[in-house]
Amino acid sequence: MQSETFKIENVRCSGCVKTIVEGVGSLPGVASVTVTVEDDEVTILGDGLSRASLAAKLAELGYPETGG
């Protein structure tokens, strides 16, 4: 199983977490999505994941990668 972790912006509440989990979780190959609000971090587990596609989906949802 593959793991991808992103530092992201704009995560402030449980509603944000729900949006990320449902939005990213709907992508093919995604098995689980864990959001850590305190660290502005999301970890995605699955098979055949494309980091670029995951980052694009996060940005589309309003949570762009910070790059740091």
PDB file of N, CA and C in Angstrom:
ATOM      1  N   MET A   1       0.846  -1.175   0.000  1.00  0.00           N
ATOM      2  CA  MET A   1       0.000   0.000   0.000  1.00  0.00           C
ATOM      3  C   MET A   1       0.896   1.244   0.000  1.00  0.00           C
ATOM      4  N   GLN A   2       0.513   2.194  -0.772  1.00  0.00           N
ATOM      5  CA  GLN A   2       1.246   3.450  -0.950  1.00  0.00           C
ATOM      6  C   GLN A   2       0.720   4.516   0.020  1.00  0.00           C
ATOM      7  N   SER A   3       1.605   5.388   0.467  1.00  0.00           N
ATOM      8  CA  SER A   3       1.227   6.477   1.355  1.00  0.00           C
ATOM      9  C   SER A   3       1.751   7.796   0.795  1.00  0.00           C
ATOM     10  N   GLU A   4       0.890   8.804   0.781  1.00  0.00           N
ATOM     11  CA  GLU A   4       1.281  10.157   0.362  1.00  0.00           C
ATOM     12  C   GLU A   4       0.830  11.128   1.445  1.00  0.00           C
ATOM     13  N   THR A   5       1.736  12.015   1.863  1.00  0.00           N
ATOM     14  CA  THR A   5       1.425  13.002   2.885  1.00  0.00           C
ATOM     15  C   THR A   5       1.628  14.399   2.326  1.00  0.00           C
ATOM     16  N   PHE A   6       0.680  15.273   2.606  1.00  0.00           N
ATOM     17  CA  PHE A   6       0.701  16.644   2.110  1.00  0.00           C
ATOM     18  C   PHE A   6       0.568  17.611   3.270  1.00  0.00           C
ATOM     19  N   LYS A   7       1.320  18.704   3.237  1.00  0.00           N
ATOM     20  CA  LYS A   7       1.094  19.862   4.095  1.00  0.00           C
ATOM     21  C   LYS A   7       0.139  20.745   3.300  1.00  0.00           C
ATOM     22  N   ILE A   8      -0.983  21.122   3.899  1.00  0.00           N
ATOM     23  CA  ILE A   8      -2.001  21.868   3.164  1.00  0.00           C
ATOM     24  C   ILE A   8      -2.424  23.124   3.915  1.00  0.00           C
ATOM     25  N   GLU A   9      -3.135  23.996   3.221  1.00  0.00           N
ATOM     26  CA  GLU A   9      -3.627  25.247   3.789  1.00  0.00           C
ATOM     27  C   GLU A   9      -5.129  25.172   4.051  1.00  0.00           C
ATOM     28  N   ASN A  10      -5.597  26.055   4.917  1.00  0.00           N
ATOM     29  CA  ASN A  10      -7.027  26.333   5.112  1.00  0.00           C
ATOM     30  C   ASN A  10      -7.813  25.313   5.924  1.00  0.00           C
ATOM     31  N   VAL A  11      -7.177  24.340   6.556  1.00  0.00           N
ATOM     32  CA  VAL A  11      -7.921  23.364   7.358  1.00  0.00           C
ATOM     33  C   VAL A  11      -8.177  23.979   8.731  1.00  0.00           C
ATOM     34  N   ARG A  12      -9.450  24.196   9.056  1.00  0.00           N
ATOM     35  CA  ARG A  12      -9.773  24.896  10.293  1.00  0.00           C
ATOM     36  C   ARG A  12     -10.797  24.185  11.188  1.00  0.00           C
ATOM     37  N   CYS A  13     -11.563  23.257  10.618  1.00  0.00           N
ATOM     38  CA  CYS A  13     -12.648  22.692  11.420  1.00  0.00           C
ATOM     39  C   CYS A  13     -13.013  21.277  10.940  1.00  0.00           C
ATOM     40  N   SER A  14     -13.972  20.692  11.643  1.00  0.00           N
ATOM     41  CA  SER A  14     -14.407  19.341  11.285  1.00  0.00           C
ATOM     42  C   SER A  14     -15.085  19.315   9.917  1.00  0.00           C
ATOM     43  N   GLY A  15     -15.689  20.425   9.519  1.00  0.00           N
ATOM     44  CA  GLY A  15     -16.297  20.512   8.190  1.00  0.00           C
ATOM     45  C   GLY A  15     -15.230  20.429   7.105  1.00  0.00           C
ATOM     46  N   CYS A  16     -14.090  21.065   7.350  1.00  0.00           N
ATOM     47  CA  CYS A  16     -12.969  20.992   6.412  1.00  0.00           C
ATOM     48  C   CYS A  16     -12.489  19.545   6.281  1.00  0.00           C
ATOM     49  N   VAL A  17     -12.346  18.892   7.423  1.00  0.00           N
ATOM     50  CA  VAL A  17     -11.898  17.500   7.435  1.00  0.00           C
ATOM     51  C   VAL A  17     -12.869  16.636   6.636  1.00  0.00           C
ATOM     52  N   LYS A  18     -14.153  16.814   6.853  1.00  0.00           N
ATOM     53  CA  LYS A  18     -15.167  16.029   6.146  1.00  0.00           C
ATOM     54  C   LYS A  18     -15.070  16.260   4.636  1.00  0.00           C
ATOM     55  N   THR A  19     -14.915  17.508   4.209  1.00  0.00           N
ATOM     56  CA  THR A  19     -14.797  17.825   2.792  1.00  0.00           C
ATOM     57  C   THR A  19     -13.596  17.115   2.171  1.00  0.00           C
ATOM     58  N   ILE A  20     -12.464  17.134   2.877  1.00  0.00           N
ATOM     59  CA  ILE A  20     -11.248  16.495   2.369  1.00  0.00           C
ATOM     60  C   ILE A  20     -11.417  14.983   2.310  1.00  0.00           C
ATOM     61  N   VAL A  21     -11.902  14.395   3.394  1.00  0.00           N
ATOM     62  CA  VAL A  21     -12.053  12.932   3.454  1.00  0.00           C
ATOM     63  C   VAL A  21     -13.008  12.442   2.369  1.00  0.00           C
ATOM     64  N   GLU A  22     -14.134  13.109   2.204  1.00  0.00           N
ATOM     65  CA  GLU A  22     -15.104  12.677   1.191  1.00  0.00           C
ATOM     66  C   GLU A  22     -14.598  12.953  -0.225  1.00  0.00           C
ATOM     67  N   GLY A  23     -14.008  14.119  -0.440  1.00  0.00           N
ATOM     68  CA  GLY A  23     -13.545  14.487  -1.776  1.00  0.00           C
ATOM     69  C   GLY A  23     -12.390  13.645  -2.267  1.00  0.00           C
ATOM     70  N   VAL A  24     -11.363  13.513  -1.438  1.00  0.00           N
ATOM     71  CA  VAL A  24     -10.195  12.721  -1.824  1.00  0.00           C
ATOM     72  C   VAL A  24     -10.515  11.232  -1.757  1.00  0.00           C
ATOM     73  N   GLY A  25     -11.329  10.852  -0.794  1.00  0.00           N
ATOM     74  CA  GLY A  25     -11.698   9.444  -0.638  1.00  0.00           C
ATOM     75  C   GLY A  25     -12.463   8.875  -1.811  1.00  0.00           C
ATOM     76  N   SER A  26     -13.051   9.743  -2.621  1.00  0.00           N
ATOM     77  CA  SER A  26     -13.808   9.273  -3.790  1.00  0.00           C
ATOM     78  C   SER A  26     -12.917   8.955  -4.993  1.00  0.00           C
ATOM     79  N   LEU A  27     -11.638   9.304  -4.906  1.00  0.00           N
ATOM     80  CA  LEU A  27     -10.737   9.046  -6.027  1.00  0.00           C
ATOM     81  C   LEU A  27     -10.382   7.564  -6.117  1.00  0.00           C
ATOM     82  N   PRO A  28     -10.173   7.064  -7.340  1.00  0.00           N
ATOM     83  CA  PRO A  28      -9.811   5.656  -7.516  1.00  0.00           C
ATOM     84  C   PRO A  28      -8.512   5.305  -6.797  1.00  0.00           C
ATOM     85  N   GLY A  29      -8.514   4.166  -6.141  1.00  0.00           N
ATOM     86  CA  GLY A  29      -7.318   3.668  -5.480  1.00  0.00           C
ATOM     87  C   GLY A  29      -7.130   4.132  -4.055  1.00  0.00           C
ATOM     88  N   VAL A  30      -7.909   5.122  -3.608  1.00  0.00           N
ATOM     89  CA  VAL A  30      -7.753   5.655  -2.254  1.00  0.00           C
ATOM     90  C   VAL A  30      -8.445   4.725  -1.259  1.00  0.00           C
ATOM     91  N   ALA A  31      -7.665   4.266  -0.268  1.00  0.00           N
ATOM     92  CA  ALA A  31      -8.211   3.372   0.753  1.00  0.00           C
ATOM     93  C   ALA A  31      -8.590   4.139   2.015  1.00  0.00           C
ATOM     94  N   SER A  32      -7.786   5.150   2.383  1.00  0.00           N
ATOM     95  CA  SER A  32      -8.103   5.939   3.578  1.00  0.00           C
ATOM     96  C   SER A  32      -7.482   7.328   3.476  1.00  0.00           C
ATOM     97  N   VAL A  33      -8.115   8.260   4.183  1.00  0.00           N
ATOM     98  CA  VAL A  33      -7.657   9.646   4.230  1.00  0.00           C
ATOM     99  C   VAL A  33      -7.675  10.073   5.695  1.00  0.00           C
ATOM    100  N   THR A  34      -6.528  10.551   6.183  1.00  0.00           N
ATOM    101  CA  THR A  34      -6.425  11.023   7.559  1.00  0.00           C
ATOM    102  C   THR A  34      -5.989  12.478   7.538  1.00  0.00           C
ATOM    103  N   VAL A  35      -6.752  13.330   8.211  1.00  0.00           N
ATOM    104  CA  VAL A  35      -6.445  14.752   8.272  1.00  0.00           C
ATOM    105  C   VAL A  35      -6.080  15.111   9.709  1.00  0.00           C
ATOM    106  N   THR A  36      -4.933  15.781   9.872  1.00  0.00           N
ATOM    107  CA  THR A  36      -4.504  16.263  11.176  1.00  0.00           C
ATOM    108  C   THR A  36      -4.570  17.784  11.143  1.00  0.00           C
ATOM    109  N   VAL A  37      -5.621  18.334  11.734  1.00  0.00           N
ATOM    110  CA  VAL A  37      -5.874  19.772  11.695  1.00  0.00           C
ATOM    111  C   VAL A  37      -4.721  20.543  12.346  1.00  0.00           C
ATOM    112  N   GLU A  38      -4.236  20.065  13.484  1.00  0.00           N
ATOM    113  CA  GLU A  38      -3.185  20.760  14.221  1.00  0.00           C
ATOM    114  C   GLU A  38      -1.907  20.927  13.411  1.00  0.00           C
ATOM    115  N   ASP A  39      -1.623  19.973  12.525  1.00  0.00           N
ATOM    116  CA  ASP A  39      -0.388  19.990  11.729  1.00  0.00           C
ATOM    117  C   ASP A  39      -0.619  20.432  10.291  1.00  0.00           C
ATOM    118  N   ASP A  40      -1.869  20.768   9.932  1.00  0.00           N
ATOM    119  CA  ASP A  40      -2.211  21.120   8.548  1.00  0.00           C
ATOM    120  C   ASP A  40      -1.702  20.040   7.595  1.00  0.00           C
ATOM    121  N   GLU A  41      -2.044  18.810   7.915  1.00  0.00           N
ATOM    122  CA  GLU A  41      -1.490  17.685   7.165  1.00  0.00           C
ATOM    123  C   GLU A  41      -2.577  16.684   6.797  1.00  0.00           C
ATOM    124  N   VAL A  42      -2.442  16.092   5.618  1.00  0.00           N
ATOM    125  CA  VAL A  42      -3.333  15.013   5.198  1.00  0.00           C
ATOM    126  C   VAL A  42      -2.478  13.859   4.693  1.00  0.00           C
ATOM    127  N   THR A  43      -2.818  12.651   5.146  1.00  0.00           N
ATOM    128  CA  THR A  43      -2.133  11.445   4.712  1.00  0.00           C
ATOM    129  C   THR A  43      -3.139  10.556   4.004  1.00  0.00           C
ATOM    130  N   ILE A  44      -2.759  10.118   2.817  1.00  0.00           N
ATOM    131  CA  ILE A  44      -3.645   9.315   1.976  1.00  0.00           C
ATOM    132  C   ILE A  44      -2.986   7.975   1.726  1.00  0.00           C
ATOM    133  N   LEU A  45      -3.725   6.901   1.990  1.00  0.00           N
ATOM    134  CA  LEU A  45      -3.247   5.546   1.739  1.00  0.00           C
ATOM    135  C   LEU A  45      -4.044   4.931   0.609  1.00  0.00           C
ATOM    136  N   GLY A  46      -3.363   4.140  -0.216  1.00  0.00           N
ATOM    137  CA  GLY A  46      -4.059   3.461  -1.294  1.00  0.00           C
ATOM    138  C   GLY A  46      -3.099   2.793  -2.247  1.00  0.00           C
ATOM    139  N   ASP A  47      -3.619   2.362  -3.366  1.00  0.00           N
ATOM    140  CA  ASP A  47      -2.820   1.696  -4.390  1.00  0.00           C
ATOM    141  C   ASP A  47      -2.926   2.466  -5.698  1.00  0.00           C
ATOM    142  N   GLY A  48      -1.795   2.618  -6.383  1.00  0.00           N
ATOM    143  CA  GLY A  48      -1.782   3.290  -7.674  1.00  0.00           C
ATOM    144  C   GLY A  48      -2.081   4.773  -7.585  1.00  0.00           C
ATOM    145  N   LEU A  49      -1.683   5.401  -6.483  1.00  0.00           N
ATOM    146  CA  LEU A  49      -1.968   6.814  -6.287  1.00  0.00           C
ATOM    147  C   LEU A  49      -1.030   7.689  -7.101  1.00  0.00           C
ATOM    148  N   SER A  50      -1.554   8.753  -7.649  1.00  0.00           N
ATOM    149  CA  SER A  50      -0.757   9.753  -8.350  1.00  0.00           C
ATOM    150  C   SER A  50      -0.672  10.986  -7.459  1.00  0.00           C
ATOM    151  N   ARG A  51       0.525  11.319  -7.010  1.00  0.00           N
ATOM    152  CA  ARG A  51       0.694  12.472  -6.131  1.00  0.00           C
ATOM    153  C   ARG A  51       0.148  13.742  -6.788  1.00  0.00           C
ATOM    154  N   ALA A  52       0.407  13.904  -8.076  1.00  0.00           N
ATOM    155  CA  ALA A  52      -0.066  15.091  -8.794  1.00  0.00           C
ATOM    156  C   ALA A  52      -1.594  15.154  -8.803  1.00  0.00           C
ATOM    157  N   SER A  53      -2.256  14.036  -9.015  1.00  0.00           N
ATOM    158  CA  SER A  53      -3.720  13.995  -9.034  1.00  0.00           C
ATOM    159  C   SER A  53      -4.300  14.282  -7.649  1.00  0.00           C
ATOM    160  N   LEU A  54      -3.652  13.752  -6.619  1.00  0.00           N
ATOM    161  CA  LEU A  54      -4.109  14.000  -5.257  1.00  0.00           C
ATOM    162  C   LEU A  54      -3.959  15.484  -4.908  1.00  0.00           C
ATOM    163  N   ALA A  55      -2.810  16.070  -5.258  1.00  0.00           N
ATOM    164  CA  ALA A  55      -2.575  17.491  -4.992  1.00  0.00           C
ATOM    165  C   ALA A  55      -3.581  18.353  -5.741  1.00  0.00           C
ATOM    166  N   ALA A  56      -3.880  17.969  -6.978  1.00  0.00           N
ATOM    167  CA  ALA A  56      -4.855  18.724  -7.780  1.00  0.00           C
ATOM    168  C   ALA A  56      -6.244  18.656  -7.144  1.00  0.00           C
ATOM    169  N   LYS A  57      -6.628  17.492  -6.640  1.00  0.00           N
ATOM    170  CA  LYS A  57      -7.937  17.342  -5.999  1.00  0.00           C
ATOM    171  C   LYS A  57      -8.007  18.175  -4.715  1.00  0.00           C
ATOM    172  N   LEU A  58      -6.939  18.140  -3.923  1.00  0.00           N
ATOM    173  CA  LEU A  58      -6.906  18.944  -2.708  1.00  0.00           C
ATOM    174  C   LEU A  58      -7.056  20.431  -3.037  1.00  0.00           C
ATOM    175  N   ALA A  59      -6.348  20.894  -4.057  1.00  0.00           N
ATOM    176  CA  ALA A  59      -6.439  22.297  -4.471  1.00  0.00           C
ATOM    177  C   ALA A  59      -7.841  22.627  -4.953  1.00  0.00           C
ATOM    178  N   GLU A  60      -8.435  21.709  -5.715  1.00  0.00           N
ATOM    179  CA  GLU A  60      -9.801  21.908  -6.227  1.00  0.00           C
ATOM    180  C   GLU A  60     -10.788  22.057  -5.065  1.00  0.00           C
ATOM    181  N   LEU A  61     -10.554  21.328  -4.000  1.00  0.00           N
ATOM    182  CA  LEU A  61     -11.425  21.372  -2.817  1.00  0.00           C
ATOM    183  C   LEU A  61     -11.189  22.612  -1.956  1.00  0.00           C
ATOM    184  N   GLY A  62     -10.097  23.354  -2.262  1.00  0.00           N
ATOM    185  CA  GLY A  62      -9.793  24.570  -1.505  1.00  0.00           C
ATOM    186  C   GLY A  62      -8.698  24.407  -0.465  1.00  0.00           C
ATOM    187  N   TYR A  63      -7.942  23.294  -0.585  1.00  0.00           N
ATOM    188  CA  TYR A  63      -6.880  23.002   0.379  1.00  0.00           C
ATOM    189  C   TYR A  63      -5.574  22.728  -0.365  1.00  0.00           C
ATOM    190  N   PRO A  64      -4.962  23.781  -0.911  1.00  0.00           N
ATOM    191  CA  PRO A  64      -3.742  23.589  -1.697  1.00  0.00           C
ATOM    192  C   PRO A  64      -2.554  23.172  -0.844  1.00  0.00           C
ATOM    193  N   GLU A  65      -1.637  22.460  -1.461  1.00  0.00           N
ATOM    194  CA  GLU A  65      -0.410  22.053  -0.808  1.00  0.00           C
ATOM    195  C   GLU A  65       0.447  23.290  -0.542  1.00  0.00           C
ATOM    196  N   THR A  66       1.059  23.349   0.646  1.00  0.00           N
ATOM    197  CA  THR A  66       1.865  24.506   1.009  1.00  0.00           C
ATOM    198  C   THR A  66       3.294  24.390   0.488  1.00  0.00           C
ATOM    199  N   GLY A  67       3.724  23.164   0.209  1.00  0.00           N
ATOM    200  CA  GLY A  67       5.082  22.973  -0.254  1.00  0.00           C
ATOM    201  C   GLY A  67       6.100  22.914   0.866  1.00  0.00           C
ATOM    202  N   GLY A  68       5.647  22.898   2.094  1.00  0.00           N
ATOM    203  CA  GLY A  68       6.608  22.882   3.190  1.00  0.00           C
ATOM    204  C   GLY A  68       6.206  22.137   4.338  1.00  0.00           C
TER     205      GLY A  68
END
